[in-house]
Amino acid sequence: MSLFQEHLPKDRPASREEEWGFTLWEFIADNWLYLIIILLILGIFLYARISWRKRQNRNKQN
């Protein structure tokens, strides 16, 4: 009786799904609402920043 296994499976690199557990499209499909909210907050932030700069430039010119 042999205690050692004769044919061990060879190591292979993990596929992207095995490594991360999901694909990019699955992540987007499952979290689309959160992504839209993040984009909306980012848009409001950028709009406020641009309008603040315009207001500051107008005040400097007067």
Protein backbone atom coordinates (compact mmCIF):
# COMPACT_ATOMS: atom_id res chain seq x y z
CA MET A 1 0.00 0.00 0.00
CA SER A 2 1.40 3.35 -1.08
CA LEU A 3 0.85 6.46 1.01
CA PHE A 4 1.90 8.83 -1.76
CA GLN A 5 -0.35 9.82 -4.60
CA GLU A 6 1.29 9.08 -7.90
CA HIS A 7 -0.41 11.70 -10.08
CA LEU A 8 -0.86 15.04 -8.36
CA PRO A 9 -2.78 17.73 -10.22
CA LYS A 10 -0.55 20.44 -11.63
CA ASP A 11 -0.85 23.98 -10.37
CA ARG A 12 -2.34 26.44 -12.79
CA PRO A 13 -2.96 30.14 -12.37
CA ALA A 14 -6.44 31.10 -11.23
CA SER A 15 -8.81 32.54 -13.78
CA ARG A 16 -10.08 36.07 -13.29
CA GLU A 17 -13.40 34.82 -11.90
CA GLU A 18 -11.68 32.39 -9.52
CA GLU A 19 -9.31 35.09 -8.31
CA TRP A 20 -11.84 37.88 -7.72
CA GLY A 21 -15.08 35.94 -7.36
CA PHE A 22 -16.93 38.10 -9.90
CA THR A 23 -16.47 39.79 -13.26
CA LEU A 24 -16.60 43.53 -13.89
CA TRP A 25 -19.99 43.27 -15.61
CA GLU A 26 -21.45 41.29 -12.70
CA PHE A 27 -20.20 43.94 -10.29
CA ILE A 28 -21.77 46.73 -12.37
CA ALA A 29 -25.06 44.84 -12.74
CA ASP A 30 -25.29 44.13 -9.00
CA ASN A 31 -24.26 47.63 -7.84
CA TRP A 32 -25.65 49.94 -10.53
CA LEU A 33 -27.70 51.98 -8.08
CA TYR A 34 -24.69 52.72 -5.87
CA LEU A 35 -22.58 53.62 -8.90
CA ILE A 36 -25.22 56.09 -10.13
CA ILE A 37 -25.39 57.70 -6.68
CA ILE A 38 -21.59 58.04 -6.57
CA LEU A 39 -21.59 59.64 -10.03
CA LEU A 40 -24.36 62.03 -9.01
CA ILE A 41 -22.47 63.13 -5.88
CA LEU A 42 -19.29 63.53 -7.92
CA GLY A 43 -21.17 65.65 -10.48
CA ILE A 44 -22.62 67.90 -7.76
CA PHE A 45 -19.17 68.32 -6.23
CA LEU A 46 -17.55 69.23 -9.55
CA TYR A 47 -20.38 71.67 -10.44
CA ALA A 48 -20.05 73.39 -7.05
CA ARG A 49 -16.28 73.63 -7.44
CA ILE A 50 -16.52 75.18 -10.92
CA SER A 51 -19.20 77.66 -9.87
CA TRP A 52 -17.16 78.61 -6.79
CA ARG A 53 -14.13 79.35 -9.00
CA LYS A 54 -16.22 81.48 -11.36
CA ARG A 55 -17.63 83.44 -8.42
CA GLN A 56 -14.12 83.97 -7.00
CA ASN A 57 -12.83 85.22 -10.37
CA ARG A 58 -15.78 87.63 -10.68
CA ASN A 59 -15.13 89.00 -7.19
CA LYS A 60 -11.43 89.54 -7.93
CA GLN A 61 -12.21 91.52 -11.08
CA ASN A 62 -14.58 93.95 -9.28
